[in-house]
Amino acid sequence: MKRTLFIALLAVAFSPNGDSLASGIGDRLEANDGQLQAILAGHRDWVIAVAFSPDGSTLASGSDDHEIRLWDTSNGQPKATLKGHRGSIRSVAFAPDGKTLASGSDDGTIRLWDVGTEQLK
């Protein structure tokens, strides 16, 4: 698969089964398998970080808008918006069981989120 993009690409992540690739492109996410599957629009600034949950059902995205968004990968719809950082989100990672999401920010903090309740731990 080769796709040429003419914009800054800041984050990429494969789905756990390897069938999809999510990329942070500008203020949106793209999930594709060689062909564009979906554009996940919702962030108000650059998408800097992306990660799939271990079971592939959720995609997390972090942005310069200081927010983390959780997306349902089956339909591309937003599941939640996580707010708590005071700086750009630079990294997101799911725990192996998928129940916790870690996020790192320019505000100098790492935050742990309960994915089920969408609250800080």
PDB file of N, CA and C in Angstrom:
ATOM      1  N   MET A   1       0.844  -1.157   0.000  1.00  0.00           N
ATOM      2  CA  MET A   1       0.000   0.000   0.000  1.00  0.00           C
ATOM      3  C   MET A   1       0.896   1.228   0.000  1.00  0.00           C
ATOM      4  N   LYS A   2       0.645   2.128  -0.909  1.00  0.00           N
ATOM      5  CA  LYS A   2       1.372   3.392  -0.935  1.00  0.00           C
ATOM      6  C   LYS A   2       0.359   4.494  -1.146  1.00  0.00           C
ATOM      7  N   ARG A   3       0.444   5.478  -0.308  1.00  0.00           N
ATOM      8  CA  ARG A   3      -0.441   6.621  -0.449  1.00  0.00           C
ATOM      9  C   ARG A   3       0.396   7.859  -0.207  1.00  0.00           C
ATOM     10  N   THR A   4       0.399   8.764  -1.142  1.00  0.00           N
ATOM     11  CA  THR A   4       1.162   9.987  -1.006  1.00  0.00           C
ATOM     12  C   THR A   4       0.260  11.070  -0.444  1.00  0.00           C
ATOM     13  N   LEU A   5       0.729  11.690   0.635  1.00  0.00           N
ATOM     14  CA  LEU A   5      -0.028  12.753   1.275  1.00  0.00           C
ATOM     15  C   LEU A   5       0.751  14.047   1.163  1.00  0.00           C
ATOM     16  N   PHE A   6       0.060  15.123   0.945  1.00  0.00           N
ATOM     17  CA  PHE A   6       0.704  16.418   0.787  1.00  0.00           C
ATOM     18  C   PHE A   6       0.383  17.335   1.961  1.00  0.00           C
ATOM     19  N   ILE A   7       0.445  16.765   3.146  1.00  0.00           N
ATOM     20  CA  ILE A   7       0.222  17.500   4.384  1.00  0.00           C
ATOM     21  C   ILE A   7       1.018  16.789   5.466  1.00  0.00           C
ATOM     22  N   ALA A   8       1.326  17.490   6.526  1.00  0.00           N
ATOM     23  CA  ALA A   8       2.077  16.868   7.616  1.00  0.00           C
ATOM     24  C   ALA A   8       1.293  15.694   8.190  1.00  0.00           C
ATOM     25  N   LEU A   9       1.947  14.565   8.272  1.00  0.00           N
ATOM     26  CA  LEU A   9       1.360  13.378   8.869  1.00  0.00           C
ATOM     27  C   LEU A   9       2.075  13.175  10.196  1.00  0.00           C
ATOM     28  N   LEU A  10       1.360  13.299  11.292  1.00  0.00           N
ATOM     29  CA  LEU A  10       1.988  13.344  12.602  1.00  0.00           C
ATOM     30  C   LEU A  10       1.860  12.060  13.406  1.00  0.00           C
ATOM     31  N   ALA A  11       0.934  11.185  13.054  1.00  0.00           N
ATOM     32  CA  ALA A  11       0.746   9.969  13.844  1.00  0.00           C
ATOM     33  C   ALA A  11       0.165   8.870  12.966  1.00  0.00           C
ATOM     34  N   VAL A  12       0.625   7.641  13.176  1.00  0.00           N
ATOM     35  CA  VAL A  12       0.069   6.477  12.491  1.00  0.00           C
ATOM     36  C   VAL A  12       0.007   5.306  13.466  1.00  0.00           C
ATOM     37  N   ALA A  13      -0.976   4.439  13.285  1.00  0.00           N
ATOM     38  CA  ALA A  13      -1.088   3.235  14.106  1.00  0.00           C
ATOM     39  C   ALA A  13      -1.843   2.169  13.325  1.00  0.00           C
ATOM     40  N   PHE A  14      -1.334   0.939  13.370  1.00  0.00           N
ATOM     41  CA  PHE A  14      -2.039  -0.200  12.798  1.00  0.00           C
ATOM     42  C   PHE A  14      -3.069  -0.712  13.792  1.00  0.00           C
ATOM     43  N   SER A  15      -4.183  -1.211  13.267  1.00  0.00           N
ATOM     44  CA  SER A  15      -5.146  -1.913  14.107  1.00  0.00           C
ATOM     45  C   SER A  15      -4.500  -3.217  14.561  1.00  0.00           C
ATOM     46  N   PRO A  16      -4.973  -3.800  15.670  1.00  0.00           N
ATOM     47  CA  PRO A  16      -4.360  -5.034  16.173  1.00  0.00           C
ATOM     48  C   PRO A  16      -4.326  -6.171  15.157  1.00  0.00           C
ATOM     49  N   ASN A  17      -5.339  -6.276  14.296  1.00  0.00           N
ATOM     50  CA  ASN A  17      -5.337  -7.355  13.307  1.00  0.00           C
ATOM     51  C   ASN A  17      -4.576  -6.982  12.038  1.00  0.00           C
ATOM     52  N   GLY A  18      -4.085  -5.744  11.970  1.00  0.00           N
ATOM     53  CA  GLY A  18      -3.279  -5.311  10.837  1.00  0.00           C
ATOM     54  C   GLY A  18      -4.063  -4.925   9.597  1.00  0.00           C
ATOM     55  N   ASP A  19      -5.389  -4.950   9.672  1.00  0.00           N
ATOM     56  CA  ASP A  19      -6.213  -4.646   8.502  1.00  0.00           C
ATOM     57  C   ASP A  19      -6.382  -3.158   8.223  1.00  0.00           C
ATOM     58  N   SER A  20      -6.225  -2.336   9.246  1.00  0.00           N
ATOM     59  CA  SER A  20      -6.455  -0.899   9.083  1.00  0.00           C
ATOM     60  C   SER A  20      -5.273  -0.106   9.613  1.00  0.00           C
ATOM     61  N   LEU A  21      -5.133   1.070   9.070  1.00  0.00           N
ATOM     62  CA  LEU A  21      -4.096   2.000   9.503  1.00  0.00           C
ATOM     63  C   LEU A  21      -4.773   3.339   9.761  1.00  0.00           C
ATOM     64  N   ALA A  22      -4.593   3.863  10.963  1.00  0.00           N
ATOM     65  CA  ALA A  22      -5.137   5.184  11.292  1.00  0.00           C
ATOM     66  C   ALA A  22      -4.009   6.188  11.201  1.00  0.00           C
ATOM     67  N   SER A  23      -4.316   7.358  10.680  1.00  0.00           N
ATOM     68  CA  SER A  23      -3.292   8.398  10.578  1.00  0.00           C
ATOM     69  C   SER A  23      -3.875   9.735  10.992  1.00  0.00           C
ATOM     70  N   GLY A  24      -3.078  10.493  11.727  1.00  0.00           N
ATOM     71  CA  GLY A  24      -3.458  11.843  12.113  1.00  0.00           C
ATOM     72  C   GLY A  24      -2.990  12.797  11.037  1.00  0.00           C
ATOM     73  N   ILE A  25      -3.932  13.372  10.336  1.00  0.00           N
ATOM     74  CA  ILE A  25      -3.616  14.256   9.220  1.00  0.00           C
ATOM     75  C   ILE A  25      -4.326  15.578   9.473  1.00  0.00           C
ATOM     76  N   GLY A  26      -3.564  16.593   9.776  1.00  0.00           N
ATOM     77  CA  GLY A  26      -4.179  17.877  10.063  1.00  0.00           C
ATOM     78  C   GLY A  26      -5.110  17.767  11.244  1.00  0.00           C
ATOM     79  N   ASP A  27      -6.352  18.174  11.079  1.00  0.00           N
ATOM     80  CA  ASP A  27      -7.314  18.141  12.176  1.00  0.00           C
ATOM     81  C   ASP A  27      -8.293  16.983  12.038  1.00  0.00           C
ATOM     82  N   ARG A  28      -7.880  15.918  11.338  1.00  0.00           N
ATOM     83  CA  ARG A  28      -8.765  14.775  11.179  1.00  0.00           C
ATOM     84  C   ARG A  28      -7.957  13.489  11.263  1.00  0.00           C
ATOM     85  N   LEU A  29      -8.668  12.398  11.356  1.00  0.00           N
ATOM     86  CA  LEU A  29      -8.082  11.067  11.335  1.00  0.00           C
ATOM     87  C   LEU A  29      -8.566  10.360  10.093  1.00  0.00           C
ATOM     88  N   GLU A  30      -7.708   9.556   9.532  1.00  0.00           N
ATOM     89  CA  GLU A  30      -8.122   8.700   8.432  1.00  0.00           C
ATOM     90  C   GLU A  30      -7.833   7.259   8.822  1.00  0.00           C
ATOM     91  N   ALA A  31      -8.765   6.394   8.549  1.00  0.00           N
ATOM     92  CA  ALA A  31      -8.556   4.963   8.719  1.00  0.00           C
ATOM     93  C   ALA A  31      -8.669   4.352   7.334  1.00  0.00           C
ATOM     94  N   ASN A  32      -7.655   3.608   6.924  1.00  0.00           N
ATOM     95  CA  ASN A  32      -7.703   3.075   5.566  1.00  0.00           C
ATOM     96  C   ASN A  32      -7.053   1.710   5.466  1.00  0.00           C
ATOM     97  N   ASP A  33      -7.412   1.021   4.429  1.00  0.00           N
ATOM     98  CA  ASP A  33      -6.828  -0.277   4.102  1.00  0.00           C
ATOM     99  C   ASP A  33      -6.314  -0.228   2.667  1.00  0.00           C
ATOM    100  N   GLY A  34      -5.683   0.864   2.324  1.00  0.00           N
ATOM    101  CA  GLY A  34      -5.284   1.112   0.948  1.00  0.00           C
ATOM    102  C   GLY A  34      -6.284   2.038   0.288  1.00  0.00           C
ATOM    103  N   GLN A  35      -7.517   1.879   0.666  1.00  0.00           N
ATOM    104  CA  GLN A  35      -8.595   2.779   0.255  1.00  0.00           C
ATOM    105  C   GLN A  35      -9.072   3.497   1.514  1.00  0.00           C
ATOM    106  N   LEU A  36      -9.481   4.713   1.369  1.00  0.00           N
ATOM    107  CA  LEU A  36      -9.972   5.471   2.514  1.00  0.00           C
ATOM    108  C   LEU A  36     -11.250   4.838   3.045  1.00  0.00           C
ATOM    109  N   GLN A  37     -11.253   4.466   4.315  1.00  0.00           N
ATOM    110  CA  GLN A  37     -12.442   3.894   4.944  1.00  0.00           C
ATOM    111  C   GLN A  37     -13.303   4.978   5.572  1.00  0.00           C
ATOM    112  N   ALA A  38     -12.653   5.896   6.287  1.00  0.00           N
ATOM    113  CA  ALA A  38     -13.421   6.908   7.012  1.00  0.00           C
ATOM    114  C   ALA A  38     -12.547   8.100   7.339  1.00  0.00           C
ATOM    115  N   ILE A  39     -13.168   9.250   7.393  1.00  0.00           N
ATOM    116  CA  ILE A  39     -12.530  10.444   7.939  1.00  0.00           C
ATOM    117  C   ILE A  39     -13.250  10.739   9.245  1.00  0.00           C
ATOM    118  N   LEU A  40     -12.495  10.737  10.322  1.00  0.00           N
ATOM    119  CA  LEU A  40     -13.072  10.957  11.641  1.00  0.00           C
ATOM    120  C   LEU A  40     -12.812  12.401  12.034  1.00  0.00           C
ATOM    121  N   ALA A  41     -13.793  13.231  11.854  1.00  0.00           N
ATOM    122  CA  ALA A  41     -13.642  14.662  12.115  1.00  0.00           C
ATOM    123  C   ALA A  41     -14.235  15.005  13.474  1.00  0.00           C
ATOM    124  N   GLY A  42     -13.545  15.848  14.210  1.00  0.00           N
ATOM    125  CA  GLY A  42     -14.053  16.265  15.510  1.00  0.00           C
ATOM    126  C   GLY A  42     -13.065  17.130  16.265  1.00  0.00           C
ATOM    127  N   HIS A  43     -11.783  16.839  16.091  1.00  0.00           N
ATOM    128  CA  HIS A  43     -10.776  17.668  16.744  1.00  0.00           C
ATOM    129  C   HIS A  43     -10.760  19.052  16.107  1.00  0.00           C
ATOM    130  N   ARG A  44     -10.411  20.052  16.903  1.00  0.00           N
ATOM    131  CA  ARG A  44     -10.359  21.426  16.411  1.00  0.00           C
ATOM    132  C   ARG A  44      -8.944  21.874  16.079  1.00  0.00           C
ATOM    133  N   ASP A  45      -7.979  20.963  16.190  1.00  0.00           N
ATOM    134  CA  ASP A  45      -6.588  21.297  15.894  1.00  0.00           C
ATOM    135  C   ASP A  45      -5.888  20.016  15.447  1.00  0.00           C
ATOM    136  N   TRP A  46      -4.590  20.101  15.230  1.00  0.00           N
ATOM    137  CA  TRP A  46      -3.805  18.977  14.708  1.00  0.00           C
ATOM    138  C   TRP A  46      -3.937  17.725  15.573  1.00  0.00           C
ATOM    139  N   VAL A  47      -4.097  16.578  14.917  1.00  0.00           N
ATOM    140  CA  VAL A  47      -4.083  15.281  15.586  1.00  0.00           C
ATOM    141  C   VAL A  47      -2.631  14.833  15.672  1.00  0.00           C
ATOM    142  N   ILE A  48      -2.152  14.611  16.888  1.00  0.00           N
ATOM    143  CA  ILE A  48      -0.743  14.339  17.151  1.00  0.00           C
ATOM    144  C   ILE A  48      -0.493  12.867  17.497  1.00  0.00           C
ATOM    145  N   ALA A  49      -1.502  12.190  18.065  1.00  0.00           N
ATOM    146  CA  ALA A  49      -1.298  10.827  18.559  1.00  0.00           C
ATOM    147  C   ALA A  49      -2.522   9.973  18.265  1.00  0.00           C
ATOM    148  N   VAL A  50      -2.288   8.710  17.909  1.00  0.00           N
ATOM    149  CA  VAL A  50      -3.375   7.758  17.685  1.00  0.00           C
ATOM    150  C   VAL A  50      -2.975   6.393  18.232  1.00  0.00           C
ATOM    151  N   ALA A  51      -3.962   5.641  18.708  1.00  0.00           N
ATOM    152  CA  ALA A  51      -3.721   4.276  19.183  1.00  0.00           C
ATOM    153  C   ALA A  51      -5.023   3.493  19.132  1.00  0.00           C
ATOM    154  N   PHE A  52      -4.930   2.231  18.718  1.00  0.00           N
ATOM    155  CA  PHE A  52      -6.070   1.324  18.751  1.00  0.00           C
ATOM    156  C   PHE A  52      -6.094   0.583  20.078  1.00  0.00           C
ATOM    157  N   SER A  53      -7.296   0.293  20.566  1.00  0.00           N
ATOM    158  CA  SER A  53      -7.431  -0.574  21.734  1.00  0.00           C
ATOM    159  C   SER A  53      -6.981  -1.977  21.338  1.00  0.00           C
ATOM    160  N   PRO A  54      -6.587  -2.808  22.317  1.00  0.00           N
ATOM    161  CA  PRO A  54      -6.105  -4.153  21.989  1.00  0.00           C
ATOM    162  C   PRO A  54      -7.101  -5.006  21.200  1.00  0.00           C
ATOM    163  N   ASP A  55      -8.397  -4.815  21.431  1.00  0.00           N
ATOM    164  CA  ASP A  55      -9.381  -5.594  20.673  1.00  0.00           C
ATOM    165  C   ASP A  55      -9.781  -4.920  19.361  1.00  0.00           C
ATOM    166  N   GLY A  56      -9.233  -3.727  19.102  1.00  0.00           N
ATOM    167  CA  GLY A  56      -9.490  -3.030  17.851  1.00  0.00           C
ATOM    168  C   GLY A  56     -10.823  -2.314  17.773  1.00  0.00           C
ATOM    169  N   SER A  57     -11.614  -2.343  18.836  1.00  0.00           N
ATOM    170  CA  SER A  57     -12.952  -1.744  18.788  1.00  0.00           C
ATOM    171  C   SER A  57     -12.954  -0.231  18.973  1.00  0.00           C
ATOM    172  N   THR A  58     -11.862   0.296  19.511  1.00  0.00           N
ATOM    173  CA  THR A  58     -11.789   1.725  19.809  1.00  0.00           C
ATOM    174  C   THR A  58     -10.489   2.301  19.282  1.00  0.00           C
ATOM    175  N   LEU A  59     -10.578   3.499  18.740  1.00  0.00           N
ATOM    176  CA  LEU A  59      -9.403   4.255  18.326  1.00  0.00           C
ATOM    177  C   LEU A  59      -9.351   5.502  19.192  1.00  0.00           C
ATOM    178  N   ALA A  60      -8.211   5.753  19.818  1.00  0.00           N
ATOM    179  CA  ALA A  60      -8.010   6.972  20.606  1.00  0.00           C
ATOM    180  C   ALA A  60      -7.179   7.941  19.789  1.00  0.00           C
ATOM    181  N   SER A  61      -7.525   9.220  19.872  1.00  0.00           N
ATOM    182  CA  SER A  61      -6.757  10.256  19.189  1.00  0.00           C
ATOM    183  C   SER A  61      -6.504  11.410  20.150  1.00  0.00           C
ATOM    184  N   GLY A  62      -5.287  11.932  20.100  1.00  0.00           N
ATOM    185  CA  GLY A  62      -4.919  13.080  20.918  1.00  0.00           C
ATOM    186  C   GLY A  62      -4.527  14.230  20.021  1.00  0.00           C
ATOM    187  N   SER A  63      -4.803  15.457  20.481  1.00  0.00           N
ATOM    188  CA  SER A  63      -4.684  16.602  19.596  1.00  0.00           C
ATOM    189  C   SER A  63      -4.085  17.823  20.283  1.00  0.00           C
ATOM    190  N   ASP A  64      -3.701  18.775  19.446  1.00  0.00           N
ATOM    191  CA  ASP A  64      -3.278  20.083  19.933  1.00  0.00           C
ATOM    192  C   ASP A  64      -4.434  20.847  20.570  1.00  0.00           C
ATOM    193  N   ASP A  65      -5.670  20.360  20.424  1.00  0.00           N
ATOM    194  CA  ASP A  65      -6.813  21.025  21.059  1.00  0.00           C
ATOM    195  C   ASP A  65      -6.959  20.642  22.534  1.00  0.00           C
ATOM    196  N   HIS A  66      -5.980  19.871  23.062  1.00  0.00           N
ATOM    197  CA  HIS A  66      -5.910  19.451  24.472  1.00  0.00           C
ATOM    198  C   HIS A  66      -6.917  18.353  24.802  1.00  0.00           C
ATOM    199  N   GLU A  67      -7.522  17.746  23.802  1.00  0.00           N
ATOM    200  CA  GLU A  67      -8.540  16.730  24.033  1.00  0.00           C
ATOM    201  C   GLU A  67      -8.133  15.378  23.459  1.00  0.00           C
ATOM    202  N   ILE A  68      -8.686  14.346  24.069  1.00  0.00           N
ATOM    203  CA  ILE A  68      -8.558  12.979  23.570  1.00  0.00           C
ATOM    204  C   ILE A  68      -9.951  12.562  23.129  1.00  0.00           C
ATOM    205  N   ARG A  69     -10.024  11.969  21.978  1.00  0.00           N
ATOM    206  CA  ARG A  69     -11.311  11.462  21.503  1.00  0.00           C
ATOM    207  C   ARG A  69     -11.212   9.955  21.345  1.00  0.00           C
ATOM    208  N   LEU A  70     -12.283   9.281  21.716  1.00  0.00           N
ATOM    209  CA  LEU A  70     -12.407   7.841  21.525  1.00  0.00           C
ATOM    210  C   LEU A  70     -13.435   7.615  20.434  1.00  0.00           C
ATOM    211  N   TRP A  71     -13.072   6.767  19.478  1.00  0.00           N
ATOM    212  CA  TRP A  71     -13.906   6.514  18.301  1.00  0.00           C
ATOM    213  C   TRP A  71     -14.287   5.037  18.241  1.00  0.00           C
ATOM    214  N   ASP A  72     -15.505   4.764  17.836  1.00  0.00           N
ATOM    215  CA  ASP A  72     -15.970   3.406  17.591  1.00  0.00           C
ATOM    216  C   ASP A  72     -15.482   3.003  16.202  1.00  0.00           C
ATOM    217  N   THR A  73     -14.619   2.003  16.130  1.00  0.00           N
ATOM    218  CA  THR A  73     -14.040   1.638  14.836  1.00  0.00           C
ATOM    219  C   THR A  73     -15.023   0.894  13.936  1.00  0.00           C
ATOM    220  N   SER A  74     -16.120   0.399  14.487  1.00  0.00           N
ATOM    221  CA  SER A  74     -17.086  -0.316  13.645  1.00  0.00           C
ATOM    222  C   SER A  74     -17.901   0.632  12.772  1.00  0.00           C
ATOM    223  N   ASN A  75     -18.070   1.880  13.235  1.00  0.00           N
ATOM    224  CA  ASN A  75     -18.902   2.812  12.468  1.00  0.00           C
ATOM    225  C   ASN A  75     -18.296   4.214  12.321  1.00  0.00           C
ATOM    226  N   GLY A  76     -17.124   4.442  12.924  1.00  0.00           N
ATOM    227  CA  GLY A  76     -16.459   5.736  12.807  1.00  0.00           C
ATOM    228  C   GLY A  76     -17.066   6.846  13.643  1.00  0.00           C
ATOM    229  N   GLN A  77     -17.999   6.491  14.510  1.00  0.00           N
ATOM    230  CA  GLN A  77     -18.667   7.500  15.331  1.00  0.00           C
ATOM    231  C   GLN A  77     -17.891   7.769  16.622  1.00  0.00           C
ATOM    232  N   PRO A  78     -17.958   9.004  17.121  1.00  0.00           N
ATOM    233  CA  PRO A  78     -17.287   9.311  18.385  1.00  0.00           C
ATOM    234  C   PRO A  78     -17.978   8.613  19.548  1.00  0.00           C
ATOM    235  N   LYS A  79     -17.163   8.108  20.480  1.00  0.00           N
ATOM    236  CA  LYS A  79     -17.683   7.480  21.690  1.00  0.00           C
ATOM    237  C   LYS A  79     -17.581   8.422  22.882  1.00  0.00           C
ATOM    238  N   ALA A  80     -16.495   9.189  22.932  1.00  0.00           N
ATOM    239  CA  ALA A  80     -16.263  10.052  24.097  1.00  0.00           C
ATOM    240  C   ALA A  80     -15.208  11.090  23.771  1.00  0.00           C
ATOM    241  N   THR A  81     -15.252  12.185  24.514  1.00  0.00           N
ATOM    242  CA  THR A  81     -14.198  13.192  24.502  1.00  0.00           C
ATOM    243  C   THR A  81     -13.671  13.298  25.921  1.00  0.00           C
ATOM    244  N   LEU A  82     -12.371  13.085  26.083  1.00  0.00           N
ATOM    245  CA  LEU A  82     -11.738  13.125  27.399  1.00  0.00           C
ATOM    246  C   LEU A  82     -11.001  14.444  27.557  1.00  0.00           C
ATOM    247  N   LYS A  83     -11.356  15.177  28.605  1.00  0.00           N
ATOM    248  CA  LYS A  83     -10.750  16.482  28.859  1.00  0.00           C
ATOM    249  C   LYS A  83     -10.104  16.479  30.234  1.00  0.00           C
ATOM    250  N   GLY A  84      -8.919  17.053  30.320  1.00  0.00           N
ATOM    251  CA  GLY A  84      -8.228  17.118  31.604  1.00  0.00           C
ATOM    252  C   GLY A  84      -6.825  17.663  31.478  1.00  0.00           C
ATOM    253  N   HIS A  85      -6.275  17.609  30.283  1.00  0.00           N
ATOM    254  CA  HIS A  85      -4.943  18.164  30.046  1.00  0.00           C
ATOM    255  C   HIS A  85      -5.041  19.656  29.753  1.00  0.00           C
ATOM    256  N   ARG A  86      -3.972  20.372  30.062  1.00  0.00           N
ATOM    257  CA  ARG A  86      -3.903  21.805  29.766  1.00  0.00           C
ATOM    258  C   ARG A  86      -2.888  22.105  28.675  1.00  0.00           C
ATOM    259  N   GLY A  87      -2.489  21.072  27.952  1.00  0.00           N
ATOM    260  CA  GLY A  87      -1.551  21.227  26.847  1.00  0.00           C
ATOM    261  C   GLY A  87      -1.868  20.225  25.756  1.00  0.00           C
ATOM    262  N   SER A  88      -1.155  20.327  24.657  1.00  0.00           N
ATOM    263  CA  SER A  88      -1.341  19.408  23.533  1.00  0.00           C
ATOM    264  C   SER A  88      -1.100  17.975  23.969  1.00  0.00           C
ATOM    265  N   ILE A  89      -1.895  17.064  23.452  1.00  0.00           N
ATOM    266  CA  ILE A  89      -1.732  15.639  23.737  1.00  0.00           C
ATOM    267  C   ILE A  89      -0.696  15.100  22.764  1.00  0.00           C
ATOM    268  N   ARG A  90       0.405  14.582  23.282  1.00  0.00           N
ATOM    269  CA  ARG A  90       1.501  14.094  22.446  1.00  0.00           C
ATOM    270  C   ARG A  90       1.529  12.582  22.296  1.00  0.00           C
ATOM    271  N   SER A  91       0.888  11.860  23.221  1.00  0.00           N
ATOM    272  CA  SER A  91       0.908  10.400  23.122  1.00  0.00           C
ATOM    273  C   SER A  91      -0.327   9.813  23.798  1.00  0.00           C
ATOM    274  N   VAL A  92      -0.788   8.705  23.247  1.00  0.00           N
ATOM    275  CA  VAL A  92      -1.877   7.926  23.835  1.00  0.00           C
ATOM    276  C   VAL A  92      -1.513   6.452  23.694  1.00  0.00           C
ATOM    277  N   ALA A  93      -1.839   5.665  24.720  1.00  0.00           N
ATOM    278  CA  ALA A  93      -1.547   4.227  24.685  1.00  0.00           C
ATOM    279  C   ALA A  93      -2.544   3.490  25.567  1.00  0.00           C
ATOM    280  N   PHE A  94      -3.067   2.391  25.049  1.00  0.00           N
ATOM    281  CA  PHE A  94      -3.967   1.546  25.821  1.00  0.00           C
ATOM    282  C   PHE A  94      -3.170   0.533  26.625  1.00  0.00           C
ATOM    283  N   ALA A  95      -3.659   0.209  27.824  1.00  0.00           N
ATOM    284  CA  ALA A  95      -3.117  -0.906  28.596  1.00  0.00           C
ATOM    285  C   ALA A  95      -3.459  -2.195  27.855  1.00  0.00           C
ATOM    286  N   PRO A  96      -2.707  -3.270  28.103  1.00  0.00           N
ATOM    287  CA  PRO A  96      -2.972  -4.529  27.396  1.00  0.00           C
ATOM    288  C   PRO A  96      -4.405  -5.049  27.528  1.00  0.00           C
ATOM    289  N   ASP A  97      -5.073  -4.762  28.654  1.00  0.00           N
ATOM    290  CA  ASP A  97      -6.459  -5.225  28.806  1.00  0.00           C
ATOM    291  C   ASP A  97      -7.476  -4.271  28.178  1.00  0.00           C
ATOM    292  N   GLY A  98      -7.021  -3.112  27.692  1.00  0.00           N
ATOM    293  CA  GLY A  98      -7.897  -2.157  27.025  1.00  0.00           C
ATOM    294  C   GLY A  98      -8.761  -1.325  27.947  1.00  0.00           C
ATOM    295  N   LYS A  99      -8.650  -1.533  29.258  1.00  0.00           N
ATOM    296  CA  LYS A  99      -9.514  -0.824  30.204  1.00  0.00           C
ATOM    297  C   LYS A  99      -8.968   0.534  30.627  1.00  0.00           C
ATOM    298  N   THR A 100      -7.688   0.749  30.410  1.00  0.00           N
ATOM    299  CA  THR A 100      -7.048   2.006  30.797  1.00  0.00           C
ATOM    300  C   THR A 100      -6.359   2.610  29.588  1.00  0.00           C
ATOM    301  N   LEU A 101      -6.486   3.926  29.457  1.00  0.00           N
ATOM    302  CA  LEU A 101      -5.785   4.677  28.425  1.00  0.00           C
ATOM    303  C   LEU A 101      -4.844   5.643  29.125  1.00  0.00           C
ATOM    304  N   ALA A 102      -3.590   5.656  28.704  1.00  0.00           N
ATOM    305  CA  ALA A 102      -2.616   6.625  29.214  1.00  0.00           C
ATOM    306  C   ALA A 102      -2.452   7.719  28.172  1.00  0.00           C
ATOM    307  N   SER A 103      -2.306   8.951  28.646  1.00  0.00           N
ATOM    308  CA  SER A 103      -2.074  10.075  27.736  1.00  0.00           C
ATOM    309  C   SER A 103      -0.961  10.945  28.296  1.00  0.00           C
ATOM    310  N   GLY A 104      -0.119  11.428  27.401  1.00  0.00           N
ATOM    311  CA  GLY A 104       0.963  12.331  27.772  1.00  0.00           C
ATOM    312  C   GLY A 104       0.763  13.663  27.082  1.00  0.00           C
ATOM    313  N   SER A 105       1.099  14.746  27.792  1.00  0.00           N
ATOM    314  CA  SER A 105       0.782  16.076  27.286  1.00  0.00           C
ATOM    315  C   SER A 105       1.929  17.050  27.468  1.00  0.00           C
ATOM    316  N   ASP A 106       1.868  18.129  26.693  1.00  0.00           N
ATOM    317  CA  ASP A 106       2.807  19.236  26.850  1.00  0.00           C
ATOM    318  C   ASP A 106       2.670  19.921  28.202  1.00  0.00           C
ATOM    319  N   ASP A 107       1.592  19.652  28.930  1.00  0.00           N
ATOM    320  CA  ASP A 107       1.445  20.255  30.252  1.00  0.00           C
ATOM    321  C   ASP A 107       2.323  19.559  31.295  1.00  0.00           C
ATOM    322  N   GLY A 108       3.097  18.560  30.849  1.00  0.00           N
ATOM    323  CA  GLY A 108       4.034  17.871  31.731  1.00  0.00           C
ATOM    324  C   GLY A 108       3.422  16.743  32.529  1.00  0.00           C
ATOM    325  N   THR A 109       2.208  16.322  32.182  1.00  0.00           N
ATOM    326  CA  THR A 109       1.552  15.261  32.935  1.00  0.00           C
ATOM    327  C   THR A 109       1.289  14.036  32.070  1.00  0.00           C
ATOM    328  N   ILE A 110       1.213  12.907  32.754  1.00  0.00           N
ATOM    329  CA  ILE A 110       0.698  11.664  32.189  1.00  0.00           C
ATOM    330  C   ILE A 110      -0.586  11.390  32.950  1.00  0.00           C
ATOM    331  N   ARG A 111      -1.649  11.168  32.238  1.00  0.00           N
ATOM    332  CA  ARG A 111      -2.934  10.904  32.884  1.00  0.00           C
ATOM    333  C   ARG A 111      -3.406   9.501  32.498  1.00  0.00           C
ATOM    334  N   LEU A 112      -4.062   8.857  33.446  1.00  0.00           N
ATOM    335  CA  LEU A 112      -4.642   7.534  33.230  1.00  0.00           C
ATOM    336  C   LEU A 112      -6.153   7.670  33.250  1.00  0.00           C
ATOM    337  N   TRP A 113      -6.774   7.129  32.227  1.00  0.00           N
ATOM    338  CA  TRP A 113      -8.216   7.232  32.052  1.00  0.00           C
ATOM    339  C   TRP A 113      -8.855   5.852  32.137  1.00  0.00           C
ATOM    340  N   ASP A 114      -9.979   5.755  32.826  1.00  0.00           N
ATOM    341  CA  ASP A 114     -10.787   4.545  32.821  1.00  0.00           C
ATOM    342  C   ASP A 114     -11.639   4.597  31.554  1.00  0.00           C
ATOM    343  N   VAL A 115     -11.384   3.694  30.634  1.00  0.00           N
ATOM    344  CA  VAL A 115     -12.075   3.728  29.345  1.00  0.00           C
ATOM    345  C   VAL A 115     -13.571   3.463  29.516  1.00  0.00           C
ATOM    346  N   GLY A 116     -13.940   2.616  30.451  1.00  0.00           N
ATOM    347  CA  GLY A 116     -15.353   2.294  30.670  1.00  0.00           C
ATOM    348  C   GLY A 116     -16.166   3.458  31.196  1.00  0.00           C
ATOM    349  N   THR A 117     -15.596   4.202  32.150  1.00  0.00           N
ATOM    350  CA  THR A 117     -16.326   5.330  32.746  1.00  0.00           C
ATOM    351  C   THR A 117     -15.966   6.664  32.100  1.00  0.00           C
ATOM    352  N   GLU A 118     -14.916   6.670  31.288  1.00  0.00           N
ATOM    353  CA  GLU A 118     -14.419   7.874  30.605  1.00  0.00           C
ATOM    354  C   GLU A 118     -13.963   8.942  31.596  1.00  0.00           C
ATOM    355  N   GLN A 119     -13.491   8.496  32.757  1.00  0.00           N
ATOM    356  CA  GLN A 119     -13.047   9.403  33.815  1.00  0.00           C
ATOM    357  C   GLN A 119     -11.573   9.173  34.128  1.00  0.00           C
ATOM    358  N   LEU A 120     -10.951  10.196  34.720  1.00  0.00           N
ATOM    359  CA  LEU A 120      -9.579  10.045  35.200  1.00  0.00           C
ATOM    360  C   LEU A 120      -9.544   9.020  36.317  1.00  0.00           C
ATOM    361  N   LYS A 121      -8.463   8.260  36.369  1.00  0.00           N
ATOM    362  CA  LYS A 121      -8.282   7.299  37.467  1.00  0.00           C
ATOM    363  C   LYS A 121      -7.612   7.991  38.628  1.00  0.00           C
TER     364      LYS A 121
END
